[in-house]
C-alpha atoms as a PDB file:
ATOM      1  CA  MET A   1      13.182 -25.460  -0.095  1.00  0.00           C
ATOM      2  CA  THR A   2      11.808 -22.326  -1.732  1.00  0.00           C
ATOM      3  CA  TYR A   3      11.360 -19.037   0.079  1.00  0.00           C
ATOM      4  CA  PHE A   4       7.944 -18.209  -1.372  1.00  0.00           C
ATOM      5  CA  ASN A   5       5.580 -21.150  -1.317  1.00  0.00           C
ATOM      6  CA  SER A   6       2.504 -21.445  -3.528  1.00  0.00           C
ATOM      7  CA  ARG A   7       0.351 -19.695  -0.904  1.00  0.00           C
ATOM      8  CA  ASP A   8       2.728 -16.715  -0.900  1.00  0.00           C
ATOM      9  CA  VAL A   9       2.828 -16.548  -4.695  1.00  0.00           C
ATOM     10  CA  ALA A  10      -0.969 -16.628  -4.784  1.00  0.00           C
ATOM     11  CA  ALA A  11      -1.162 -13.817  -2.219  1.00  0.00           C
ATOM     12  CA  ILE A  12       1.405 -11.728  -4.072  1.00  0.00           C
ATOM     13  CA  SER A  13      -0.354 -12.280  -7.391  1.00  0.00           C
ATOM     14  CA  LEU A  14      -3.843 -11.513  -6.101  1.00  0.00           C
ATOM     15  CA  CYS A  15      -2.815  -8.419  -4.164  1.00  0.00           C
ATOM     16  CA  ALA A  16      -0.606  -7.062  -6.936  1.00  0.00           C
ATOM     17  CA  GLY A  17      -3.270  -7.678  -9.567  1.00  0.00           C
ATOM     18  CA  LEU A  18      -5.929  -6.005  -7.467  1.00  0.00           C
ATOM     19  CA  TRP A  19      -3.743  -2.975  -6.725  1.00  0.00           C
ATOM     20  CA  GLY A  20      -2.533  -2.620 -10.313  1.00  0.00           C
ATOM     21  CA  VAL A  21      -5.993  -2.820 -11.844  1.00  0.00           C
ATOM     22  CA  LEU A  22      -7.766  -0.647  -9.258  1.00  0.00           C
ATOM     23  CA  ASN A  23      -5.072   1.991  -9.512  1.00  0.00           C
ATOM     24  CA  SER A  24      -5.021   1.965 -13.310  1.00  0.00           C
ATOM     25  CA  VAL A  25      -8.783   2.083 -13.760  1.00  0.00           C
ATOM     26  CA  PHE A  26     -10.189   4.141 -10.893  1.00  0.00           C
ATOM     27  CA  SER A  27      -7.409   6.388  -9.611  1.00  0.00           C
ATOM     28  CA  PRO A  28      -7.079   8.498 -12.791  1.00  0.00           C
ATOM     29  CA  VAL A  29     -10.852   9.042 -12.847  1.00  0.00           C
ATOM     30  CA  PHE A  30     -10.861  10.047  -9.180  1.00  0.00           C
ATOM     31  CA  PHE A  31      -7.902  12.383  -9.734  1.00  0.00           C
ATOM     32  CA  ARG A  32      -9.551  14.057 -12.738  1.00  0.00           C
ATOM     33  CA  MET A  33     -12.806  14.505 -10.836  1.00  0.00           C
ATOM     34  CA  PHE A  34     -11.411  15.857  -7.579  1.00  0.00           C
ATOM     35  CA  GLY A  35      -7.747  16.667  -8.205  1.00  0.00           C
ATOM     36  CA  LEU A  36      -6.777  14.641  -5.131  1.00  0.00           C
ATOM     37  CA  PRO A  37      -4.355  11.702  -5.058  1.00  0.00           C
ATOM     38  CA  PHE A  38      -6.080   9.764  -2.255  1.00  0.00           C
ATOM     39  CA  LEU A  39      -7.415   6.794  -4.168  1.00  0.00           C
ATOM     40  CA  CYS A  40      -3.938   5.564  -5.172  1.00  0.00           C
ATOM     41  CA  ASP A  41      -2.974   5.443  -1.507  1.00  0.00           C
ATOM     42  CA  ILE A  42      -6.246   4.015  -0.250  1.00  0.00           C
ATOM     43  CA  CYS A  43      -6.127   1.125  -2.711  1.00  0.00           C
ATOM     44  CA  GLY A  44      -2.418   0.526  -2.411  1.00  0.00           C
ATOM     45  CA  PHE A  45      -1.848   0.608   1.306  1.00  0.00           C
ATOM     46  CA  GLY A  46      -5.066  -1.172   2.178  1.00  0.00           C
ATOM     47  CA  ILE A  47      -3.981  -4.001  -0.104  1.00  0.00           C
ATOM     48  CA  LEU A  48      -0.388  -3.978   1.191  1.00  0.00           C
ATOM     49  CA  ALA A  49      -1.676  -4.325   4.759  1.00  0.00           C
ATOM     50  CA  VAL A  50      -3.596  -7.448   3.791  1.00  0.00           C
ATOM     51  CA  ALA A  51      -0.630  -8.814   1.830  1.00  0.00           C
ATOM     52  CA  VAL A  52       1.834  -8.392   4.703  1.00  0.00           C
ATOM     53  CA  TRP A  53      -0.554 -10.089   7.121  1.00  0.00           C
ATOM     54  CA  TRP A  54      -1.169 -12.883   4.617  1.00  0.00           C
ATOM     55  CA  THR A  55       2.465 -13.630   3.764  1.00  0.00           C
ATOM     56  CA  ARG A  56       4.585 -12.375   6.686  1.00  0.00           C
ATOM     57  CA  LYS A  57       7.768 -12.663   4.630  1.00  0.00           C
ATOM     58  CA  LEU A  58      10.366 -10.077   3.736  1.00  0.00           C
ATOM     59  CA  GLY A  59      10.246  -9.383   0.027  1.00  0.00           C
ATOM     60  CA  ALA A  60       6.596 -10.273  -0.495  1.00  0.00           C
ATOM     61  CA  ILE A  61       5.409  -6.675  -0.321  1.00  0.00           C
ATOM     62  CA  THR A  62       8.232  -5.565  -2.577  1.00  0.00           C
ATOM     63  CA  MET A  63       7.091  -8.184  -5.088  1.00  0.00           C
ATOM     64  CA  VAL A  64       3.506  -6.926  -4.796  1.00  0.00           C
ATOM     65  CA  GLY A  65       4.758  -3.424  -5.570  1.00  0.00           C
ATOM     66  CA  LEU A  66       6.867  -4.554  -8.539  1.00  0.00           C
ATOM     67  CA  VAL A  67       4.091  -6.622 -10.100  1.00  0.00           C
ATOM     68  CA  ALA A  68       1.521  -3.870  -9.488  1.00  0.00           C
ATOM     69  CA  THR A  69       3.911  -1.429 -11.185  1.00  0.00           C
ATOM     70  CA  ALA A  70       4.161  -3.696 -14.225  1.00  0.00           C
ATOM     71  CA  ILE A  71       0.368  -3.996 -14.378  1.00  0.00           C
ATOM     72  CA  ASN A  72       0.029  -0.237 -13.984  1.00  0.00           C
ATOM     73  CA  PHE A  73       2.411   0.341 -16.906  1.00  0.00           C
ATOM     74  CA  ILE A  74       0.500  -2.148 -19.067  1.00  0.00           C
ATOM     75  CA  PHE A  75      -2.798  -0.313 -18.507  1.00  0.00           C
ATOM     76  CA  ASN A  76      -1.346   3.177 -18.175  1.00  0.00           C
ATOM     77  CA  PRO A  77       2.042   3.464 -19.942  1.00  0.00           C
ATOM     78  CA  GLY A  78       2.333   7.154 -19.090  1.00  0.00           C
ATOM     79  CA  GLY A  79       1.813   6.606 -15.362  1.00  0.00           C
ATOM     80  CA  ILE A  80       5.470   6.786 -14.361  1.00  0.00           C
ATOM     81  CA  HIS A  81       4.477   8.468 -11.110  1.00  0.00           C
ATOM     82  CA  PHE A  82       3.594   4.963  -9.890  1.00  0.00           C
ATOM     83  CA  LEU A  83       7.315   4.456  -9.332  1.00  0.00           C
ATOM     84  CA  GLY A  84       6.792   6.458  -6.135  1.00  0.00           C
ATOM     85  CA  PHE A  85       4.449   3.710  -4.953  1.00  0.00           C
ATOM     86  CA  THR A  86       6.936   1.057  -6.003  1.00  0.00           C
ATOM     87  CA  THR A  87       9.490   2.660  -3.708  1.00  0.00           C
ATOM     88  CA  ALA A  88       6.872   3.034  -0.972  1.00  0.00           C
ATOM     89  CA  SER A  89       6.079  -0.687  -1.160  1.00  0.00           C
ATOM     90  CA  VAL A  90       9.762  -1.492  -0.558  1.00  0.00           C
ATOM     91  CA  VAL A  91       9.760   0.826   2.473  1.00  0.00           C
ATOM     92  CA  PHE A  92       6.484  -0.715   3.691  1.00  0.00           C
ATOM     93  CA  ASP A  93       8.082  -4.151   3.358  1.00  0.00           C
ATOM     94  CA  PHE A  94      11.180  -3.235   5.370  1.00  0.00           C
ATOM     95  CA  MET A  95       9.252  -1.287   8.007  1.00  0.00           C
ATOM     96  CA  THR A  96       6.917  -4.199   8.704  1.00  0.00           C
ATOM     97  CA  ARG A  97       9.935  -6.494   8.919  1.00  0.00           C
ATOM     98  CA  LEU A  98      11.714  -4.065  11.238  1.00  0.00           C
ATOM     99  CA  VAL A  99       8.693  -3.792  13.514  1.00  0.00           C
ATOM    100  CA  GLY A 100       8.155  -7.539  13.249  1.00  0.00           C
ATOM    101  CA  TYR A 101       5.299  -9.437  11.725  1.00  0.00           C
ATOM    102  CA  ASP A 102       3.927 -10.194  15.155  1.00  0.00           C
ATOM    103  CA  TYR A 103       3.743  -6.488  16.039  1.00  0.00           C
ATOM    104  CA  SER A 104       0.047  -6.906  16.415  1.00  0.00           C
ATOM    105  CA  SER A 105       0.538  -9.134  19.481  1.00  0.00           C
ATOM    106  CA  ARG A 106      -2.708 -10.611  18.277  1.00  0.00           C
ATOM    107  CA  LYS A 107      -4.514  -7.515  19.568  1.00  0.00           C
ATOM    108  CA  PRO A 108      -6.444  -5.546  16.962  1.00  0.00           C
ATOM    109  CA  ILE A 109      -5.540  -2.148  18.422  1.00  0.00           C
ATOM    110  CA  TYR A 110      -1.799  -2.746  18.020  1.00  0.00           C
ATOM    111  CA  ARG A 111      -2.309  -4.142  14.552  1.00  0.00           C
ATOM    112  CA  THR A 112      -4.395  -1.090  13.606  1.00  0.00           C
ATOM    113  CA  VAL A 113      -1.981   1.495  15.018  1.00  0.00           C
ATOM    114  CA  GLY A 114       1.048  -0.209  13.468  1.00  0.00           C
ATOM    115  CA  THR A 115      -0.601  -0.568  10.076  1.00  0.00           C
ATOM    116  CA  VAL A 116      -1.817   3.033  10.000  1.00  0.00           C
ATOM    117  CA  LEU A 117       1.599   4.400  11.011  1.00  0.00           C
ATOM    118  CA  ILE A 118       3.501   2.329   8.464  1.00  0.00           C
ATOM    119  CA  SER A 119       0.969   3.150   5.733  1.00  0.00           C
ATOM    120  CA  THR A 120       1.123   6.864   6.514  1.00  0.00           C
ATOM    121  CA  ILE A 121       4.916   7.014   6.418  1.00  0.00           C
ATOM    122  CA  SER A 122       5.080   4.965   3.214  1.00  0.00           C
ATOM    123  CA  ALA A 123       2.384   7.046   1.506  1.00  0.00           C
ATOM    124  CA  ALA A 124       4.099  10.294   2.498  1.00  0.00           C
ATOM    125  CA  LEU A 125       7.303   8.963   0.959  1.00  0.00           C
ATOM    126  CA  ALA A 126       5.427   8.071  -2.244  1.00  0.00           C
ATOM    127  CA  GLY A 127       3.972  11.585  -2.370  1.00  0.00           C
ATOM    128  CA  PHE A 128       7.380  13.113  -1.768  1.00  0.00           C
ATOM    129  CA  ILE A 129       8.937  11.084  -4.584  1.00  0.00           C
ATOM    130  CA  ILE A 130       6.069  11.840  -6.962  1.00  0.00           C
ATOM    131  CA  GLY A 131       6.165  15.539  -6.109  1.00  0.00           C
ATOM    132  CA  THR A 132       9.928  15.767  -6.442  1.00  0.00           C
ATOM    133  CA  PHE A 133      10.428  13.827  -9.662  1.00  0.00           C
ATOM    134  CA  PHE A 134       7.158  13.574 -11.579  1.00  0.00           C
ATOM    135  CA  MET A 135       4.999  16.656 -10.964  1.00  0.00           C
ATOM    136  CA  ALA A 136       5.036  19.919 -12.849  1.00  0.00           C
ATOM    137  CA  GLY A 137       5.911  22.987 -10.781  1.00  0.00           C
ATOM    138  CA  PRO A 138       2.647  24.932 -11.263  1.00  0.00           C
ATOM    139  CA  ALA A 139       0.477  21.940 -10.366  1.00  0.00           C
ATOM    140  CA  LEU A 140       2.645  21.199  -7.365  1.00  0.00           C
ATOM    141  CA  ALA A 141       2.545  24.823  -6.168  1.00  0.00           C
ATOM    142  CA  ARG A 142      -1.248  24.616  -5.997  1.00  0.00           C
ATOM    143  CA  TRP A 143      -0.932  22.046  -3.225  1.00  0.00           C
ATOM    144  CA  GLY A 144       1.799  23.683  -1.173  1.00  0.00           C
ATOM    145  CA  GLY A 145       4.813  22.220  -2.932  1.00  0.00           C
ATOM    146  CA  VAL A 146       6.383  18.853  -2.400  1.00  0.00           C
ATOM    147  CA  LEU A 147       5.578  18.755   1.303  1.00  0.00           C
ATOM    148  CA  GLY A 148       1.924  19.595   0.659  1.00  0.00           C
ATOM    149  CA  TRP A 149       1.733  16.832  -1.927  1.00  0.00           C
ATOM    150  CA  ALA A 150       3.404  14.403   0.475  1.00  0.00           C
ATOM    151  CA  GLY A 151       0.868  15.447   3.122  1.00  0.00           C
ATOM    152  CA  LEU A 152      -2.033  14.677   0.797  1.00  0.00           C
ATOM    153  CA  HIS A 153      -0.594  11.243   0.143  1.00  0.00           C
ATOM    154  CA  ALA A 154      -0.034  10.761   3.874  1.00  0.00           C
ATOM    155  CA  LEU A 155      -3.735  11.433   4.425  1.00  0.00           C
ATOM    156  CA  GLY A 156      -4.504   8.786   1.817  1.00  0.00           C
ATOM    157  CA  GLY A 157      -2.112   6.474   3.661  1.00  0.00           C
ATOM    158  CA  VAL A 158      -4.026   7.032   6.895  1.00  0.00           C
ATOM    159  CA  ILE A 159      -7.292   6.105   5.185  1.00  0.00           C
ATOM    160  CA  GLY A 160      -5.715   3.151   3.363  1.00  0.00           C
ATOM    161  CA  GLY A 161      -4.053   1.981   6.575  1.00  0.00           C
ATOM    162  CA  ILE A 162      -7.354   2.107   8.450  1.00  0.00           C
ATOM    163  CA  ILE A 163      -9.112   0.171   5.710  1.00  0.00           C
ATOM    164  CA  GLY A 164      -6.264  -2.360   5.534  1.00  0.00           C
ATOM    165  CA  ALA A 165      -6.214  -2.783   9.315  1.00  0.00           C
ATOM    166  CA  LEU A 166      -9.974  -3.266   9.384  1.00  0.00           C
ATOM    167  CA  LEU A 167      -9.743  -5.923   6.674  1.00  0.00           C
ATOM    168  CA  VAL A 168      -6.911  -7.704   8.476  1.00  0.00           C
ATOM    169  CA  ASN A 169      -8.733  -7.557  11.818  1.00  0.00           C
ATOM    170  CA  ILE A 170     -11.867  -8.987  10.219  1.00  0.00           C
ATOM    171  CA  LEU A 171      -9.920 -11.748   8.489  1.00  0.00           C
ATOM    172  CA  ALA A 172      -7.985 -12.562  11.659  1.00  0.00           C
ATOM    173  CA  SER A 173     -11.164 -12.765  13.730  1.00  0.00           C
ATOM    174  CA  ARG A 174     -12.837 -14.994  11.142  1.00  0.00           C
ATOM    175  CA  ILE A 175      -9.863 -17.349  11.170  1.00  0.00           C
ATOM    176  CA  ALA A 176      -9.850 -17.382  14.982  1.00  0.00           C
ATOM    177  CA  ILE A 177     -13.562 -18.184  15.004  1.00  0.00           C
ATOM    178  CA  ALA A 178     -12.996 -20.998  12.545  1.00  0.00           C
ATOM    179  CA  GLY A 179     -10.562 -22.562  15.007  1.00  0.00           C
ATOM    180  CA  ASN A 180      -7.238 -21.545  13.515  1.00  0.00           C
ATOM    181  CA  VAL A 181      -5.548 -19.408  16.181  1.00  0.00           C
ATOM    182  CA  ASP A 182      -2.642 -18.386  13.908  1.00  0.00           C
ATOM    183  CA  SER A 183      -4.031 -14.971  13.006  1.00  0.00           C
END
């Protein structure tokens, strides 16, 4: 018996493709316009929240991050900073496993709080890694150093976590309405 069934592979593929393309196309434009890294986090962690709810298997979110990284490098070969998000997806994967996939207790408020907290921590880690290894000193100093950059990513993680939790809550309620109580 295989660990990832066809439903899991479809979820991983769709979420990774969406994250990789959105990040490669829109995030650089947003960053050039505003100088803020939020869109990477909003897209990424919103999508990861949906993927973890959809699959509920350890390793699925890591696979989403790895495939999204490959897609990002195809569209944006110079975007090595995305490796921070690759690492963050691994942390997101393990944190959701540690908390448990039923952390929501089928109550939207718990699902929302858990998703936002995990997204915020993971995004802050991504910002810390990007700031430490991939940013130039003068650009980083403008934002308060590595911790300031991590804080900006954490804010993006909050927004992405809220969006992801809202999407998951909507999907879960639609499934419950349709008669499938396994939300």
